[in-house]
Amino acid sequence: MPEEDLVEVKFRLYDGSEIGPFWYSPSSTVGYLKEKILAEWPKDSKLNPKAVNDVKIISGGKILENSKTVGQCQMPFHELQKGAITMHVVVQPAVAKTKAEKKIDEAERKSICSCSIL
């Protein structure tokens, strides 16, 4: 594939550090980018994602969907710039409720008053 068809992308992490830049095919998916980010994630970071779904990529003010391609994420003004596209990366791990929290939630639902005065 000719180099002119490739897109240069770098990732800015939540703490200001960067991963990349790397060259990707315009047909590469955001899910693939997330896998590469996990592989390159700094080991000394305070917050480490455990899975691809813990990573959110933001470009142009929008959170990118895993099924979108790099080519779809390019901004129209990208041709004016001669450099890498910077995408922001945040970690948003899935929060699982503990058993105690679930019991509290269920108890609150059971003790709701449902009186009606006519």
N, C-alpha and C. Protein backbone atom coordinates (compact mmCIF):
# COMPACT_ATOMS: atom_id res chain seq x y z
N MET A 1 0.85 -1.18 0.00
CA MET A 1 0.00 0.00 0.00
C MET A 1 0.89 1.24 0.00
N PRO A 2 0.64 2.19 -0.88
CA PRO A 2 1.46 3.40 -0.92
C PRO A 2 1.33 4.20 0.36
N GLU A 3 2.43 4.83 0.78
CA GLU A 3 2.44 5.57 2.03
C GLU A 3 1.46 6.74 2.01
N GLU A 4 1.19 7.30 0.83
CA GLU A 4 0.28 8.45 0.76
C GLU A 4 -1.14 8.07 1.14
N ASP A 5 -1.50 6.78 1.04
CA ASP A 5 -2.84 6.33 1.43
C ASP A 5 -2.97 6.15 2.93
N LEU A 6 -1.87 6.05 3.65
CA LEU A 6 -1.91 5.82 5.09
C LEU A 6 -2.20 7.12 5.83
N VAL A 7 -2.80 6.97 7.01
CA VAL A 7 -3.15 8.12 7.84
C VAL A 7 -2.29 8.08 9.11
N GLU A 8 -1.67 9.21 9.43
CA GLU A 8 -0.83 9.29 10.62
C GLU A 8 -1.71 9.71 11.81
N VAL A 9 -1.68 8.89 12.86
CA VAL A 9 -2.52 9.13 14.04
C VAL A 9 -1.65 9.04 15.29
N LYS A 10 -1.84 9.99 16.21
CA LYS A 10 -1.22 9.88 17.53
C LYS A 10 -2.32 10.00 18.57
N PHE A 11 -2.07 9.44 19.72
CA PHE A 11 -3.08 9.38 20.77
C PHE A 11 -2.59 10.14 22.00
N ARG A 12 -3.37 11.09 22.46
CA ARG A 12 -3.03 11.85 23.66
C ARG A 12 -3.85 11.27 24.81
N LEU A 13 -3.14 10.81 25.83
CA LEU A 13 -3.78 10.19 26.98
C LEU A 13 -4.30 11.24 27.95
N TYR A 14 -5.10 10.81 28.89
CA TYR A 14 -5.74 11.70 29.86
C TYR A 14 -4.74 12.51 30.67
N ASP A 15 -3.52 11.99 30.85
CA ASP A 15 -2.51 12.68 31.66
C ASP A 15 -1.60 13.58 30.83
N GLY A 16 -1.86 13.72 29.53
CA GLY A 16 -1.07 14.58 28.67
C GLY A 16 0.04 13.86 27.91
N SER A 17 0.35 12.62 28.28
CA SER A 17 1.37 11.87 27.54
C SER A 17 0.77 11.39 26.21
N GLU A 18 1.64 10.95 25.33
CA GLU A 18 1.19 10.53 24.01
C GLU A 18 1.68 9.14 23.64
N ILE A 19 0.89 8.47 22.82
CA ILE A 19 1.27 7.19 22.22
C ILE A 19 1.30 7.44 20.71
N GLY A 20 2.38 7.06 20.09
CA GLY A 20 2.47 7.23 18.64
C GLY A 20 3.36 8.38 18.28
N PRO A 21 3.33 8.83 17.07
CA PRO A 21 2.35 8.56 16.01
C PRO A 21 2.59 7.23 15.30
N PHE A 22 1.50 6.69 14.77
CA PHE A 22 1.52 5.47 13.99
C PHE A 22 0.82 5.73 12.66
N TRP A 23 1.10 4.91 11.67
CA TRP A 23 0.46 5.02 10.36
C TRP A 23 -0.56 3.90 10.24
N TYR A 24 -1.79 4.25 9.87
CA TYR A 24 -2.87 3.28 9.73
C TYR A 24 -3.52 3.40 8.36
N SER A 25 -4.05 2.29 7.91
CA SER A 25 -4.84 2.29 6.68
C SER A 25 -6.17 2.99 6.98
N PRO A 26 -6.73 3.73 6.03
CA PRO A 26 -8.04 4.36 6.25
C PRO A 26 -9.15 3.37 6.55
N SER A 27 -8.93 2.09 6.21
CA SER A 27 -9.96 1.08 6.47
C SER A 27 -9.81 0.43 7.85
N SER A 28 -8.79 0.80 8.63
CA SER A 28 -8.62 0.28 9.99
C SER A 28 -9.76 0.77 10.87
N THR A 29 -10.29 -0.12 11.70
CA THR A 29 -11.42 0.25 12.55
C THR A 29 -10.94 0.86 13.86
N VAL A 30 -11.83 1.58 14.51
CA VAL A 30 -11.54 2.17 15.82
C VAL A 30 -11.27 1.06 16.83
N GLY A 31 -11.97 -0.06 16.72
CA GLY A 31 -11.71 -1.21 17.60
C GLY A 31 -10.27 -1.69 17.49
N TYR A 32 -9.74 -1.70 16.27
CA TYR A 32 -8.34 -2.08 16.04
C TYR A 32 -7.40 -1.07 16.69
N LEU A 33 -7.73 0.23 16.56
CA LEU A 33 -6.91 1.27 17.19
C LEU A 33 -6.87 1.07 18.71
N LYS A 34 -8.00 0.73 19.29
CA LYS A 34 -8.06 0.52 20.74
C LYS A 34 -7.17 -0.65 21.15
N GLU A 35 -7.15 -1.71 20.35
CA GLU A 35 -6.28 -2.85 20.65
C GLU A 35 -4.81 -2.42 20.63
N LYS A 36 -4.44 -1.61 19.64
CA LYS A 36 -3.06 -1.12 19.54
C LYS A 36 -2.73 -0.21 20.74
N ILE A 37 -3.69 0.61 21.16
CA ILE A 37 -3.47 1.49 22.31
C ILE A 37 -3.21 0.65 23.56
N LEU A 38 -4.02 -0.40 23.77
CA LEU A 38 -3.80 -1.27 24.93
C LEU A 38 -2.41 -1.90 24.90
N ALA A 39 -1.96 -2.31 23.72
CA ALA A 39 -0.64 -2.94 23.60
C ALA A 39 0.48 -1.95 23.89
N GLU A 40 0.29 -0.67 23.57
CA GLU A 40 1.32 0.35 23.75
C GLU A 40 1.15 1.17 25.04
N TRP A 41 0.15 0.85 25.85
CA TRP A 41 -0.16 1.65 27.04
C TRP A 41 1.04 1.69 27.98
N PRO A 42 1.39 2.87 28.51
CA PRO A 42 2.53 2.98 29.44
C PRO A 42 2.32 2.12 30.69
N LYS A 43 3.31 1.33 31.02
CA LYS A 43 3.20 0.41 32.16
C LYS A 43 3.22 1.14 33.50
N ASP A 44 3.80 2.33 33.57
CA ASP A 44 3.90 3.05 34.83
C ASP A 44 2.71 4.00 35.06
N SER A 45 1.68 3.88 34.27
CA SER A 45 0.52 4.76 34.37
C SER A 45 -0.31 4.41 35.62
N LYS A 46 -0.94 5.43 36.20
CA LYS A 46 -1.76 5.21 37.41
C LYS A 46 -3.05 4.47 37.08
N LEU A 47 -3.61 4.73 35.92
CA LEU A 47 -4.89 4.16 35.52
C LEU A 47 -4.68 3.34 34.26
N ASN A 48 -4.78 2.02 34.39
CA ASN A 48 -4.54 1.13 33.25
C ASN A 48 -5.85 0.48 32.82
N PRO A 49 -6.21 0.59 31.55
CA PRO A 49 -7.41 -0.10 31.07
C PRO A 49 -7.18 -1.60 31.03
N LYS A 50 -8.22 -2.37 31.33
CA LYS A 50 -8.11 -3.82 31.33
C LYS A 50 -8.65 -4.45 30.05
N ALA A 51 -9.55 -3.74 29.39
CA ALA A 51 -10.17 -4.27 28.17
C ALA A 51 -10.39 -3.14 27.17
N VAL A 52 -10.65 -3.52 25.93
CA VAL A 52 -10.88 -2.55 24.86
C VAL A 52 -12.08 -1.65 25.19
N ASN A 53 -13.09 -2.20 25.83
CA ASN A 53 -14.28 -1.40 26.16
C ASN A 53 -14.03 -0.36 27.24
N ASP A 54 -12.91 -0.46 27.95
CA ASP A 54 -12.55 0.54 28.96
C ASP A 54 -11.97 1.80 28.33
N VAL A 55 -11.57 1.72 27.06
CA VAL A 55 -10.92 2.83 26.36
C VAL A 55 -11.94 3.54 25.48
N LYS A 56 -11.96 4.87 25.59
CA LYS A 56 -12.79 5.71 24.72
C LYS A 56 -11.85 6.61 23.93
N ILE A 57 -12.07 6.67 22.61
CA ILE A 57 -11.28 7.54 21.74
C ILE A 57 -12.16 8.69 21.30
N ILE A 58 -11.64 9.90 21.46
CA ILE A 58 -12.39 11.10 21.11
C ILE A 58 -11.65 11.82 19.99
N SER A 59 -12.37 12.15 18.93
CA SER A 59 -11.81 12.89 17.82
C SER A 59 -12.86 13.87 17.33
N GLY A 60 -12.47 15.11 17.19
CA GLY A 60 -13.41 16.13 16.73
C GLY A 60 -14.55 16.34 17.71
N GLY A 61 -14.29 16.09 19.00
CA GLY A 61 -15.31 16.29 20.03
C GLY A 61 -16.33 15.17 20.12
N LYS A 62 -16.12 14.07 19.41
CA LYS A 62 -17.07 12.96 19.43
C LYS A 62 -16.38 11.68 19.88
N ILE A 63 -17.08 10.88 20.67
CA ILE A 63 -16.59 9.56 21.04
C ILE A 63 -16.79 8.65 19.85
N LEU A 64 -15.72 8.00 19.41
CA LEU A 64 -15.78 7.18 18.21
C LEU A 64 -16.28 5.77 18.52
N GLU A 65 -17.10 5.27 17.63
CA GLU A 65 -17.64 3.92 17.75
C GLU A 65 -16.63 2.91 17.23
N ASN A 66 -16.62 1.71 17.81
CA ASN A 66 -15.66 0.68 17.43
C ASN A 66 -15.76 0.30 15.95
N SER A 67 -16.94 0.41 15.36
CA SER A 67 -17.14 -0.02 13.99
C SER A 67 -16.71 1.03 12.96
N LYS A 68 -16.47 2.28 13.38
CA LYS A 68 -16.05 3.33 12.44
C LYS A 68 -14.62 3.06 11.97
N THR A 69 -14.31 3.56 10.79
CA THR A 69 -12.95 3.41 10.26
C THR A 69 -12.18 4.71 10.43
N VAL A 70 -10.87 4.62 10.31
CA VAL A 70 -10.01 5.80 10.42
C VAL A 70 -10.38 6.80 9.33
N GLY A 71 -10.67 6.31 8.15
CA GLY A 71 -11.05 7.19 7.05
C GLY A 71 -12.31 7.99 7.36
N GLN A 72 -13.27 7.39 8.07
CA GLN A 72 -14.49 8.08 8.45
C GLN A 72 -14.25 9.10 9.56
N CYS A 73 -13.17 8.94 10.31
CA CYS A 73 -12.88 9.83 11.44
C CYS A 73 -12.11 11.07 11.02
N GLN A 74 -11.58 11.09 9.80
CA GLN A 74 -10.81 12.24 9.35
C GLN A 74 -11.72 13.45 9.22
N MET A 75 -11.22 14.58 9.67
CA MET A 75 -11.96 15.82 9.55
C MET A 75 -11.74 16.39 8.15
N PRO A 76 -12.69 17.13 7.58
CA PRO A 76 -12.52 17.67 6.24
C PRO A 76 -11.31 18.60 6.13
N PHE A 77 -10.92 19.27 7.22
CA PHE A 77 -9.80 20.20 7.15
C PHE A 77 -8.46 19.49 7.32
N HIS A 78 -8.46 18.18 7.42
CA HIS A 78 -7.21 17.43 7.61
C HIS A 78 -6.25 17.65 6.43
N GLU A 79 -6.81 17.84 5.22
CA GLU A 79 -5.93 18.03 4.07
C GLU A 79 -5.11 19.31 4.20
N LEU A 80 -5.60 20.29 4.96
CA LEU A 80 -4.88 21.54 5.13
C LEU A 80 -3.68 21.37 6.05
N GLN A 81 -3.76 20.41 6.97
CA GLN A 81 -2.68 20.19 7.92
C GLN A 81 -1.73 19.13 7.36
N LYS A 82 -0.48 19.30 7.65
CA LYS A 82 0.50 18.28 7.26
C LYS A 82 1.07 17.68 8.53
N GLY A 83 0.33 16.81 9.14
CA GLY A 83 0.78 16.19 10.37
C GLY A 83 -0.19 15.12 10.81
N ALA A 84 0.07 14.62 11.99
CA ALA A 84 -0.73 13.53 12.52
C ALA A 84 -2.07 14.04 13.04
N ILE A 85 -3.07 13.18 12.93
CA ILE A 85 -4.36 13.45 13.57
C ILE A 85 -4.19 13.09 15.04
N THR A 86 -4.55 14.00 15.92
CA THR A 86 -4.47 13.72 17.35
C THR A 86 -5.85 13.29 17.84
N MET A 87 -5.91 12.10 18.41
CA MET A 87 -7.13 11.59 19.01
C MET A 87 -6.90 11.48 20.50
N HIS A 88 -7.87 11.90 21.27
CA HIS A 88 -7.74 11.87 22.72
C HIS A 88 -8.27 10.54 23.25
N VAL A 89 -7.59 10.02 24.27
CA VAL A 89 -7.94 8.72 24.83
C VAL A 89 -8.24 8.89 26.31
N VAL A 90 -9.40 8.40 26.73
CA VAL A 90 -9.76 8.40 28.14
C VAL A 90 -10.07 6.97 28.56
N VAL A 91 -9.90 6.69 29.83
CA VAL A 91 -10.20 5.38 30.38
C VAL A 91 -11.47 5.50 31.19
N GLN A 92 -12.44 4.68 30.85
CA GLN A 92 -13.70 4.67 31.56
C GLN A 92 -14.06 3.21 31.85
N PRO A 93 -13.48 2.65 32.94
CA PRO A 93 -13.74 1.25 33.23
C PRO A 93 -15.19 1.03 33.61
N ALA A 94 -15.70 -0.14 33.24
CA ALA A 94 -17.06 -0.49 33.60
C ALA A 94 -17.15 -0.63 35.11
N VAL A 95 -18.16 -0.03 35.69
CA VAL A 95 -18.32 -0.06 37.14
C VAL A 95 -19.35 -1.14 37.46
N ALA A 96 -18.89 -2.16 38.19
CA ALA A 96 -19.79 -3.23 38.61
C ALA A 96 -20.22 -2.97 40.04
N LYS A 97 -21.50 -3.11 40.28
CA LYS A 97 -22.01 -2.91 41.64
C LYS A 97 -21.64 -4.11 42.51
N THR A 98 -21.29 -3.81 43.75
CA THR A 98 -21.01 -4.88 44.69
C THR A 98 -22.33 -5.44 45.19
N LYS A 99 -22.27 -6.59 45.83
CA LYS A 99 -23.49 -7.22 46.34
C LYS A 99 -24.17 -6.33 47.37
N ALA A 100 -23.39 -5.64 48.19
CA ALA A 100 -23.97 -4.76 49.22
C ALA A 100 -24.72 -3.60 48.56
N GLU A 101 -24.16 -3.02 47.50
CA GLU A 101 -24.81 -1.93 46.80
C GLU A 101 -26.11 -2.40 46.15
N LYS A 102 -26.12 -3.60 45.60
CA LYS A 102 -27.32 -4.14 44.98
C LYS A 102 -28.42 -4.34 46.02
N LYS A 103 -28.05 -4.83 47.22
CA LYS A 103 -29.03 -5.04 48.28
C LYS A 103 -29.63 -3.72 48.74
N ILE A 104 -28.80 -2.67 48.83
CA ILE A 104 -29.29 -1.35 49.23
C ILE A 104 -30.27 -0.83 48.19
N ASP A 105 -29.96 -0.97 46.91
CA ASP A 105 -30.84 -0.53 45.85
C ASP A 105 -32.18 -1.26 45.90
N GLU A 106 -32.14 -2.58 46.13
CA GLU A 106 -33.38 -3.35 46.20
C GLU A 106 -34.19 -2.95 47.42
N ALA A 107 -33.53 -2.69 48.55
CA ALA A 107 -34.24 -2.29 49.77
C ALA A 107 -34.93 -0.94 49.57
N GLU A 108 -34.29 -0.01 48.88
CA GLU A 108 -34.89 1.30 48.63
C GLU A 108 -36.13 1.17 47.76
N ARG A 109 -36.12 0.28 46.81
CA ARG A 109 -37.28 0.09 45.94
C ARG A 109 -38.45 -0.50 46.69
N LYS A 110 -38.20 -1.35 47.67
CA LYS A 110 -39.28 -2.00 48.42
C LYS A 110 -39.94 -1.06 49.42
N SER A 111 -39.24 -0.04 49.89
CA SER A 111 -39.77 0.81 50.94
C SER A 111 -40.36 2.12 50.41
N ILE A 112 -40.70 2.17 49.14
CA ILE A 112 -41.26 3.39 48.57
C ILE A 112 -42.77 3.43 48.87
N CYS A 113 -43.21 4.57 49.33
CA CYS A 113 -44.63 4.75 49.61
C CYS A 113 -45.35 5.03 48.30
N SER A 114 -46.50 4.41 48.13
CA SER A 114 -47.26 4.64 46.91
C SER A 114 -48.71 4.99 47.23
N CYS A 115 -48.90 5.84 48.24
CA CYS A 115 -50.24 6.26 48.64
C CYS A 115 -50.77 7.30 47.66
N SER A 116 -52.07 7.26 47.45
CA SER A 116 -52.73 8.27 46.60
C SER A 116 -53.90 8.84 47.36
N ILE A 117 -54.01 10.16 47.40
CA ILE A 117 -55.14 10.83 48.06
C ILE A 117 -56.03 11.38 46.96
N LEU A 118 -57.29 10.98 47.01
CA LEU A 118 -58.22 11.45 45.99
C LEU A 118 -59.16 12.49 46.52
